[in-house]
Amino acid sequence: MEQNNRTLQEQMRVIFHSLPFQAIPAILIRYLASETAEKLKFFPAIGGISSYYSPHKILTKQSLDYEKHCTIPQFSYVLAHGEPSPKNTQASCKLDCIYLHPVHSQQVSHCLYNLATNQVLSHRQVTVIPMTAAVIEIVQQLAKEYGMNRLALHSKDGKLFYDSTWIAGVDYTDDFYDDIYQDQDYEDKEQQDTDLEAQQKQSLLQQMTHWVLYFGQNIS
């Protein structure tokens, strides 16, 4: 059981550190844990009862669908296609959401986190959109409202689990984590990415202007 818990913690940290967010709301952490445990059952276990059938197949008797289970990464920014009733209103037909996981049913549906209402909902059709700085800021602001400043895993008795890369026999405190997340380079990363994106857009604009003038002179 301890090894299973450690595996889940490592997988959760891998997914979290691949995200563009410095912190996520508590509700997203719950879905991160459940989806991480769910995906570990997608493949046959080494030394398990079957070398061909995964625990997911054995327990649910359902085959995995690539289009449903593998095409949209968890916590992607998506637009949910709403179905207002009546339809001839000024209400928006698109909802800004964070993707949580596919709904576990025979029908193709998706579980989403609505950024506007801070609620979980399900929709049949979604469109994946590139993550923007505005969405990142909204998610991190929602995390602050929940009091979440970092990803912290605790045991049932409240003991903090540290990364598995720490040296055995060395005691670590919350101050170590606080120093990491208060580091100036860590806080300025988002601003650096924004500045780099602006520089790339400016360079592209200059190149386009150069070629427009070049072809214009040759044609004339």
C-alpha atoms as a PDB file:
ATOM      1  CA  MET A   1       0.000   0.000   0.000  1.00  0.00           C
ATOM      2  CA  GLU A   2       2.838   2.385   0.803  1.00  0.00           C
ATOM      3  CA  GLN A   3       4.403   1.693  -2.607  1.00  0.00           C
ATOM      4  CA  ASN A   4       1.041   2.279  -4.297  1.00  0.00           C
ATOM      5  CA  ASN A   5       0.679   5.615  -2.489  1.00  0.00           C
ATOM      6  CA  ARG A   6       4.183   6.620  -3.500  1.00  0.00           C
ATOM      7  CA  THR A   7       3.478   5.735  -7.140  1.00  0.00           C
ATOM      8  CA  LEU A   8       0.323   7.875  -7.112  1.00  0.00           C
ATOM      9  CA  GLN A   9       2.196  10.791  -5.536  1.00  0.00           C
ATOM     10  CA  GLU A  10       4.943  10.632  -8.142  1.00  0.00           C
ATOM     11  CA  GLN A  11       2.458  10.483 -11.012  1.00  0.00           C
ATOM     12  CA  MET A  12       0.505  13.428  -9.610  1.00  0.00           C
ATOM     13  CA  ARG A  13       3.651  15.519  -9.271  1.00  0.00           C
ATOM     14  CA  VAL A  14       4.708  14.677 -12.840  1.00  0.00           C
ATOM     15  CA  ILE A  15       1.354  15.825 -14.218  1.00  0.00           C
ATOM     16  CA  PHE A  16       1.246  18.934 -12.022  1.00  0.00           C
ATOM     17  CA  HIS A  17       4.737  20.099 -12.985  1.00  0.00           C
ATOM     18  CA  SER A  18       3.878  19.681 -16.678  1.00  0.00           C
ATOM     19  CA  LEU A  19       1.058  22.213 -16.289  1.00  0.00           C
ATOM     20  CA  PRO A  20       1.481  25.969 -16.808  1.00  0.00           C
ATOM     21  CA  PHE A  21      -0.100  26.708 -13.404  1.00  0.00           C
ATOM     22  CA  GLN A  22       1.820  27.466 -10.227  1.00  0.00           C
ATOM     23  CA  ALA A  23      -1.219  26.397  -8.190  1.00  0.00           C
ATOM     24  CA  ILE A  24      -4.618  24.847  -8.876  1.00  0.00           C
ATOM     25  CA  PRO A  25      -7.872  24.848  -6.864  1.00  0.00           C
ATOM     26  CA  ALA A  26      -8.537  22.031  -4.423  1.00  0.00           C
ATOM     27  CA  ILE A  27     -11.318  20.633  -6.611  1.00  0.00           C
ATOM     28  CA  LEU A  28      -8.846  20.113  -9.457  1.00  0.00           C
ATOM     29  CA  ILE A  29      -6.456  18.301  -7.119  1.00  0.00           C
ATOM     30  CA  ARG A  30      -9.226  15.819  -6.292  1.00  0.00           C
ATOM     31  CA  TYR A  31      -9.779  15.120  -9.974  1.00  0.00           C
ATOM     32  CA  LEU A  32      -6.027  14.916 -10.504  1.00  0.00           C
ATOM     33  CA  ALA A  33      -5.821  12.151  -7.885  1.00  0.00           C
ATOM     34  CA  SER A  34      -8.814  10.190  -9.181  1.00  0.00           C
ATOM     35  CA  GLU A  35      -7.763  10.394 -12.827  1.00  0.00           C
ATOM     36  CA  THR A  36      -4.167   9.431 -11.985  1.00  0.00           C
ATOM     37  CA  ALA A  37      -5.387   6.308 -10.185  1.00  0.00           C
ATOM     38  CA  GLU A  38      -7.756   5.539 -13.065  1.00  0.00           C
ATOM     39  CA  LYS A  39      -5.074   5.722 -15.753  1.00  0.00           C
ATOM     40  CA  LEU A  40      -2.763   3.396 -13.841  1.00  0.00           C
ATOM     41  CA  LYS A  41      -5.336   0.669 -14.573  1.00  0.00           C
ATOM     42  CA  PHE A  42      -5.166   1.204 -18.340  1.00  0.00           C
ATOM     43  CA  PHE A  43      -2.225  -1.171 -18.840  1.00  0.00           C
ATOM     44  CA  PRO A  44      -1.562  -4.763 -17.714  1.00  0.00           C
ATOM     45  CA  ALA A  45       0.391  -4.865 -14.470  1.00  0.00           C
ATOM     46  CA  ILE A  46       3.784  -6.558 -14.440  1.00  0.00           C
ATOM     47  CA  GLY A  47       3.315  -9.803 -12.557  1.00  0.00           C
ATOM     48  CA  GLY A  48      -0.457  -9.318 -12.528  1.00  0.00           C
ATOM     49  CA  ILE A  49      -3.158 -11.890 -13.146  1.00  0.00           C
ATOM     50  CA  SER A  50      -3.101 -11.245 -16.904  1.00  0.00           C
ATOM     51  CA  SER A  51      -0.401 -10.262 -19.389  1.00  0.00           C
ATOM     52  CA  TYR A  52      -2.942  -9.213 -22.011  1.00  0.00           C
ATOM     53  CA  TYR A  53      -5.901  -7.647 -20.212  1.00  0.00           C
ATOM     54  CA  SER A  54      -5.571  -4.509 -18.111  1.00  0.00           C
ATOM     55  CA  PRO A  55      -7.270  -4.107 -14.699  1.00  0.00           C
ATOM     56  CA  HIS A  56      -9.601  -1.603 -16.391  1.00  0.00           C
ATOM     57  CA  LYS A  57     -10.708  -4.226 -18.912  1.00  0.00           C
ATOM     58  CA  ILE A  58     -11.102  -6.940 -16.274  1.00  0.00           C
ATOM     59  CA  LEU A  59     -13.108  -4.814 -13.832  1.00  0.00           C
ATOM     60  CA  THR A  60     -15.305  -2.823 -16.230  1.00  0.00           C
ATOM     61  CA  LYS A  61     -15.355  -5.227 -19.220  1.00  0.00           C
ATOM     62  CA  GLN A  62     -15.048  -2.151 -21.439  1.00  0.00           C
ATOM     63  CA  SER A  63     -12.357  -1.484 -24.018  1.00  0.00           C
ATOM     64  CA  LEU A  64     -10.513   1.796 -24.144  1.00  0.00           C
ATOM     65  CA  ASP A  65     -11.410   4.227 -26.918  1.00  0.00           C
ATOM     66  CA  TYR A  66      -8.490   6.319 -28.155  1.00  0.00           C
ATOM     67  CA  GLU A  67     -10.711   9.171 -29.340  1.00  0.00           C
ATOM     68  CA  LYS A  68     -12.472   9.317 -25.980  1.00  0.00           C
ATOM     69  CA  HIS A  69      -9.719   8.564 -23.456  1.00  0.00           C
ATOM     70  CA  CYS A  70      -6.473   9.764 -25.035  1.00  0.00           C
ATOM     71  CA  THR A  71      -6.991  12.745 -27.337  1.00  0.00           C
ATOM     72  CA  ILE A  72      -7.595  15.504 -24.752  1.00  0.00           C
ATOM     73  CA  PRO A  73      -4.981  15.902 -21.968  1.00  0.00           C
ATOM     74  CA  GLN A  74      -6.280  16.527 -18.482  1.00  0.00           C
ATOM     75  CA  PHE A  75      -6.499  20.218 -17.476  1.00  0.00           C
ATOM     76  CA  SER A  76      -6.469  21.436 -21.073  1.00  0.00           C
ATOM     77  CA  TYR A  77      -8.309  24.666 -21.857  1.00  0.00           C
ATOM     78  CA  VAL A  78     -11.453  23.836 -23.823  1.00  0.00           C
ATOM     79  CA  LEU A  79     -14.587  25.539 -25.078  1.00  0.00           C
ATOM     80  CA  ALA A  80     -17.743  23.610 -24.233  1.00  0.00           C
ATOM     81  CA  HIS A  81     -20.486  23.904 -26.795  1.00  0.00           C
ATOM     82  CA  GLY A  82     -23.501  24.935 -24.754  1.00  0.00           C
ATOM     83  CA  GLU A  83     -27.088  24.069 -25.548  1.00  0.00           C
ATOM     84  CA  PRO A  84     -29.197  26.985 -24.229  1.00  0.00           C
ATOM     85  CA  SER A  85     -32.950  26.665 -24.171  1.00  0.00           C
ATOM     86  CA  PRO A  86     -34.422  28.607 -25.835  1.00  0.00           C
ATOM     87  CA  LYS A  87     -31.628  29.045 -28.385  1.00  0.00           C
ATOM     88  CA  ASN A  88     -32.662  32.476 -29.739  1.00  0.00           C
ATOM     89  CA  THR A  89     -31.182  34.440 -26.839  1.00  0.00           C
ATOM     90  CA  GLN A  90     -28.052  36.515 -26.247  1.00  0.00           C
ATOM     91  CA  ALA A  91     -26.626  33.870 -23.906  1.00  0.00           C
ATOM     92  CA  SER A  92     -23.199  32.587 -24.861  1.00  0.00           C
ATOM     93  CA  CYS A  93     -23.111  29.210 -26.585  1.00  0.00           C
ATOM     94  CA  LYS A  94     -19.483  28.617 -25.584  1.00  0.00           C
ATOM     95  CA  LEU A  95     -18.246  28.063 -22.023  1.00  0.00           C
ATOM     96  CA  ASP A  96     -14.629  28.526 -20.900  1.00  0.00           C
ATOM     97  CA  CYS A  97     -13.661  25.332 -19.094  1.00  0.00           C
ATOM     98  CA  ILE A  98     -10.769  23.229 -17.872  1.00  0.00           C
ATOM     99  CA  TYR A  99     -10.926  19.618 -19.029  1.00  0.00           C
ATOM    100  CA  LEU A 100     -11.150  17.069 -16.205  1.00  0.00           C
ATOM    101  CA  HIS A 101     -11.777  13.630 -17.733  1.00  0.00           C
ATOM    102  CA  PRO A 102     -14.081  11.747 -20.096  1.00  0.00           C
ATOM    103  CA  VAL A 103     -17.367  10.637 -18.570  1.00  0.00           C
ATOM    104  CA  HIS A 104     -17.278   6.929 -17.765  1.00  0.00           C
ATOM    105  CA  SER A 105     -20.235   5.826 -19.856  1.00  0.00           C
ATOM    106  CA  GLN A 106     -20.942   4.359 -23.276  1.00  0.00           C
ATOM    107  CA  GLN A 107     -21.750   7.799 -24.674  1.00  0.00           C
ATOM    108  CA  VAL A 108     -19.018  10.248 -25.608  1.00  0.00           C
ATOM    109  CA  SER A 109     -19.211  13.009 -23.008  1.00  0.00           C
ATOM    110  CA  HIS A 110     -16.738  15.112 -21.063  1.00  0.00           C
ATOM    111  CA  CYS A 111     -16.471  16.288 -17.450  1.00  0.00           C
ATOM    112  CA  LEU A 112     -15.419  19.942 -17.248  1.00  0.00           C
ATOM    113  CA  TYR A 113     -14.610  22.653 -14.721  1.00  0.00           C
ATOM    114  CA  ASN A 114     -16.426  25.881 -15.565  1.00  0.00           C
ATOM    115  CA  LEU A 115     -14.154  28.858 -14.926  1.00  0.00           C
ATOM    116  CA  ALA A 116     -17.056  31.323 -14.769  1.00  0.00           C
ATOM    117  CA  THR A 117     -19.248  29.488 -12.247  1.00  0.00           C
ATOM    118  CA  ASN A 118     -16.556  27.466 -10.435  1.00  0.00           C
ATOM    119  CA  GLN A 119     -18.710  24.368 -10.921  1.00  0.00           C
ATOM    120  CA  VAL A 120     -18.239  20.929 -12.509  1.00  0.00           C
ATOM    121  CA  LEU A 121     -20.440  20.091 -15.480  1.00  0.00           C
ATOM    122  CA  SER A 122     -20.587  17.658 -18.399  1.00  0.00           C
ATOM    123  CA  HIS A 123     -20.937  18.354 -22.127  1.00  0.00           C
ATOM    124  CA  ARG A 124     -20.993  16.209 -25.196  1.00  0.00           C
ATOM    125  CA  GLN A 125     -18.895  18.438 -27.463  1.00  0.00           C
ATOM    126  CA  VAL A 126     -15.747  20.400 -26.629  1.00  0.00           C
ATOM    127  CA  THR A 127     -13.043  22.144 -28.635  1.00  0.00           C
ATOM    128  CA  VAL A 128      -9.465  22.255 -27.370  1.00  0.00           C
ATOM    129  CA  ILE A 129      -8.019  25.781 -27.381  1.00  0.00           C
ATOM    130  CA  PRO A 130      -4.375  26.803 -26.750  1.00  0.00           C
ATOM    131  CA  MET A 131      -3.827  27.869 -23.157  1.00  0.00           C
ATOM    132  CA  THR A 132      -3.692  31.646 -22.724  1.00  0.00           C
ATOM    133  CA  ALA A 133      -2.122  33.842 -20.051  1.00  0.00           C
ATOM    134  CA  ALA A 134      -5.600  35.051 -19.032  1.00  0.00           C
ATOM    135  CA  VAL A 135      -6.818  31.505 -18.336  1.00  0.00           C
ATOM    136  CA  ILE A 136      -3.663  30.720 -16.345  1.00  0.00           C
ATOM    137  CA  GLU A 137      -4.242  33.830 -14.236  1.00  0.00           C
ATOM    138  CA  ILE A 138      -7.888  32.874 -13.592  1.00  0.00           C
ATOM    139  CA  VAL A 139      -6.986  29.353 -12.458  1.00  0.00           C
ATOM    140  CA  GLN A 140      -4.250  30.621 -10.139  1.00  0.00           C
ATOM    141  CA  GLN A 141      -6.591  33.259  -8.708  1.00  0.00           C
ATOM    142  CA  LEU A 142      -9.202  30.580  -7.987  1.00  0.00           C
ATOM    143  CA  ALA A 143      -6.480  28.537  -6.301  1.00  0.00           C
ATOM    144  CA  LYS A 144      -5.605  31.481  -4.035  1.00  0.00           C
ATOM    145  CA  GLU A 145      -9.257  31.826  -3.046  1.00  0.00           C
ATOM    146  CA  TYR A 146      -9.149  28.183  -1.923  1.00  0.00           C
ATOM    147  CA  GLY A 147      -5.936  28.894  -0.026  1.00  0.00           C
ATOM    148  CA  MET A 148      -3.896  26.723  -2.414  1.00  0.00           C
ATOM    149  CA  ASN A 149      -0.424  28.132  -3.065  1.00  0.00           C
ATOM    150  CA  ARG A 150       1.303  24.892  -4.051  1.00  0.00           C
ATOM    151  CA  LEU A 151       0.722  21.168  -4.514  1.00  0.00           C
ATOM    152  CA  ALA A 152       1.017  19.502  -1.100  1.00  0.00           C
ATOM    153  CA  LEU A 153       0.201  15.862  -0.383  1.00  0.00           C
ATOM    154  CA  HIS A 154      -0.674  14.843   3.181  1.00  0.00           C
ATOM    155  CA  SER A 155      -1.343  11.572   4.964  1.00  0.00           C
ATOM    156  CA  LYS A 156      -4.492  10.869   6.983  1.00  0.00           C
ATOM    157  CA  ASP A 157      -2.839  12.198  10.130  1.00  0.00           C
ATOM    158  CA  GLY A 158      -1.844  15.438   8.388  1.00  0.00           C
ATOM    159  CA  LYS A 159       1.803  14.530   7.787  1.00  0.00           C
ATOM    160  CA  LEU A 160       3.262  16.191   4.687  1.00  0.00           C
ATOM    161  CA  PHE A 161       4.624  13.879   1.986  1.00  0.00           C
ATOM    162  CA  TYR A 162       7.786  15.250   0.374  1.00  0.00           C
ATOM    163  CA  ASP A 163       9.110  14.461  -3.078  1.00  0.00           C
ATOM    164  CA  SER A 164      10.660  11.013  -3.434  1.00  0.00           C
ATOM    165  CA  THR A 165      13.919  12.622  -4.578  1.00  0.00           C
ATOM    166  CA  TRP A 166      14.710  13.926  -1.095  1.00  0.00           C
ATOM    167  CA  ILE A 167      17.634  12.342   0.711  1.00  0.00           C
ATOM    168  CA  ALA A 168      16.681   9.620   3.167  1.00  0.00           C
ATOM    169  CA  GLY A 169      17.232  10.580   6.801  1.00  0.00           C
ATOM    170  CA  VAL A 170      17.117  14.342   6.179  1.00  0.00           C
ATOM    171  CA  ASP A 171      14.299  16.323   7.776  1.00  0.00           C
ATOM    172  CA  TYR A 172      12.482  18.885   5.646  1.00  0.00           C
ATOM    173  CA  THR A 173      10.016  21.555   6.718  1.00  0.00           C
ATOM    174  CA  ASP A 174       7.384  23.673   5.024  1.00  0.00           C
ATOM    175  CA  ASP A 175       9.880  26.560   4.997  1.00  0.00           C
ATOM    176  CA  PHE A 176      11.817  24.737   2.276  1.00  0.00           C
ATOM    177  CA  TYR A 177       8.760  24.666   0.015  1.00  0.00           C
ATOM    178  CA  ASP A 178       7.917  28.272   0.853  1.00  0.00           C
ATOM    179  CA  ASP A 179      11.405  29.365  -0.195  1.00  0.00           C
ATOM    180  CA  ILE A 180      10.941  27.647  -3.562  1.00  0.00           C
ATOM    181  CA  TYR A 181       7.598  29.236  -4.327  1.00  0.00           C
ATOM    182  CA  GLN A 182       8.727  32.664  -3.134  1.00  0.00           C
ATOM    183  CA  ASP A 183      11.791  32.601  -5.385  1.00  0.00           C
ATOM    184  CA  GLN A 184      11.852  35.656  -7.652  1.00  0.00           C
ATOM    185  CA  ASP A 185      12.742  33.610 -10.726  1.00  0.00           C
ATOM    186  CA  TYR A 186       9.779  31.313 -10.086  1.00  0.00           C
ATOM    187  CA  GLU A 187       7.390  34.261  -9.718  1.00  0.00           C
ATOM    188  CA  ASP A 188       8.731  36.036 -12.826  1.00  0.00           C
ATOM    189  CA  LYS A 189       8.495  32.968 -15.092  1.00  0.00           C
ATOM    190  CA  GLU A 190       5.036  33.877 -16.366  1.00  0.00           C
ATOM    191  CA  GLN A 191       6.136  37.455 -17.123  1.00  0.00           C
ATOM    192  CA  GLN A 192       9.202  36.172 -18.978  1.00  0.00           C
ATOM    193  CA  ASP A 193       7.044  33.888 -21.105  1.00  0.00           C
ATOM    194  CA  THR A 194       4.721  36.799 -21.911  1.00  0.00           C
ATOM    195  CA  ASP A 195       7.643  39.036 -22.917  1.00  0.00           C
ATOM    196  CA  LEU A 196       9.107  36.291 -25.103  1.00  0.00           C
ATOM    197  CA  GLU A 197       5.762  35.781 -26.856  1.00  0.00           C
ATOM    198  CA  ALA A 198       5.507  39.544 -27.515  1.00  0.00           C
ATOM    199  CA  GLN A 199       9.042  39.599 -28.961  1.00  0.00           C
ATOM    200  CA  GLN A 200       8.252  36.686 -31.261  1.00  0.00           C
ATOM    201  CA  LYS A 201       5.093  38.394 -32.513  1.00  0.00           C
ATOM    202  CA  GLN A 202       7.018  41.639 -33.121  1.00  0.00           C
ATOM    203  CA  SER A 203       9.745  39.786 -35.037  1.00  0.00           C
ATOM    204  CA  LEU A 204       7.154  37.987 -37.162  1.00  0.00           C
ATOM    205  CA  LEU A 205       5.398  41.272 -37.919  1.00  0.00           C
ATOM    206  CA  GLN A 206       8.671  42.865 -39.033  1.00  0.00           C
ATOM    207  CA  GLN A 207       9.435  39.945 -41.341  1.00  0.00           C
ATOM    208  CA  MET A 208       5.976  40.108 -42.904  1.00  0.00           C
ATOM    209  CA  THR A 209       6.328  43.854 -43.425  1.00  0.00           C
ATOM    210  CA  HIS A 210       9.725  43.345 -45.065  1.00  0.00           C
ATOM    211  CA  TRP A 211       8.409  40.770 -47.536  1.00  0.00           C
ATOM    212  CA  VAL A 212       5.316  42.844 -48.358  1.00  0.00           C
ATOM    213  CA  LEU A 213       7.518  45.827 -49.233  1.00  0.00           C
ATOM    214  CA  TYR A 214       9.942  43.589 -51.168  1.00  0.00           C
ATOM    215  CA  PHE A 215       7.277  41.998 -53.356  1.00  0.00           C
ATOM    216  CA  GLY A 216       5.513  45.330 -53.792  1.00  0.00           C
ATOM    217  CA  GLN A 217       8.634  46.962 -55.188  1.00  0.00           C
ATOM    218  CA  ASN A 218       9.353  44.037 -57.563  1.00  0.00           C
ATOM    219  CA  ILE A 219       5.814  43.977 -58.909  1.00  0.00           C
ATOM    220  CA  SER A 220       5.766  47.739 -59.507  1.00  0.00           C
END
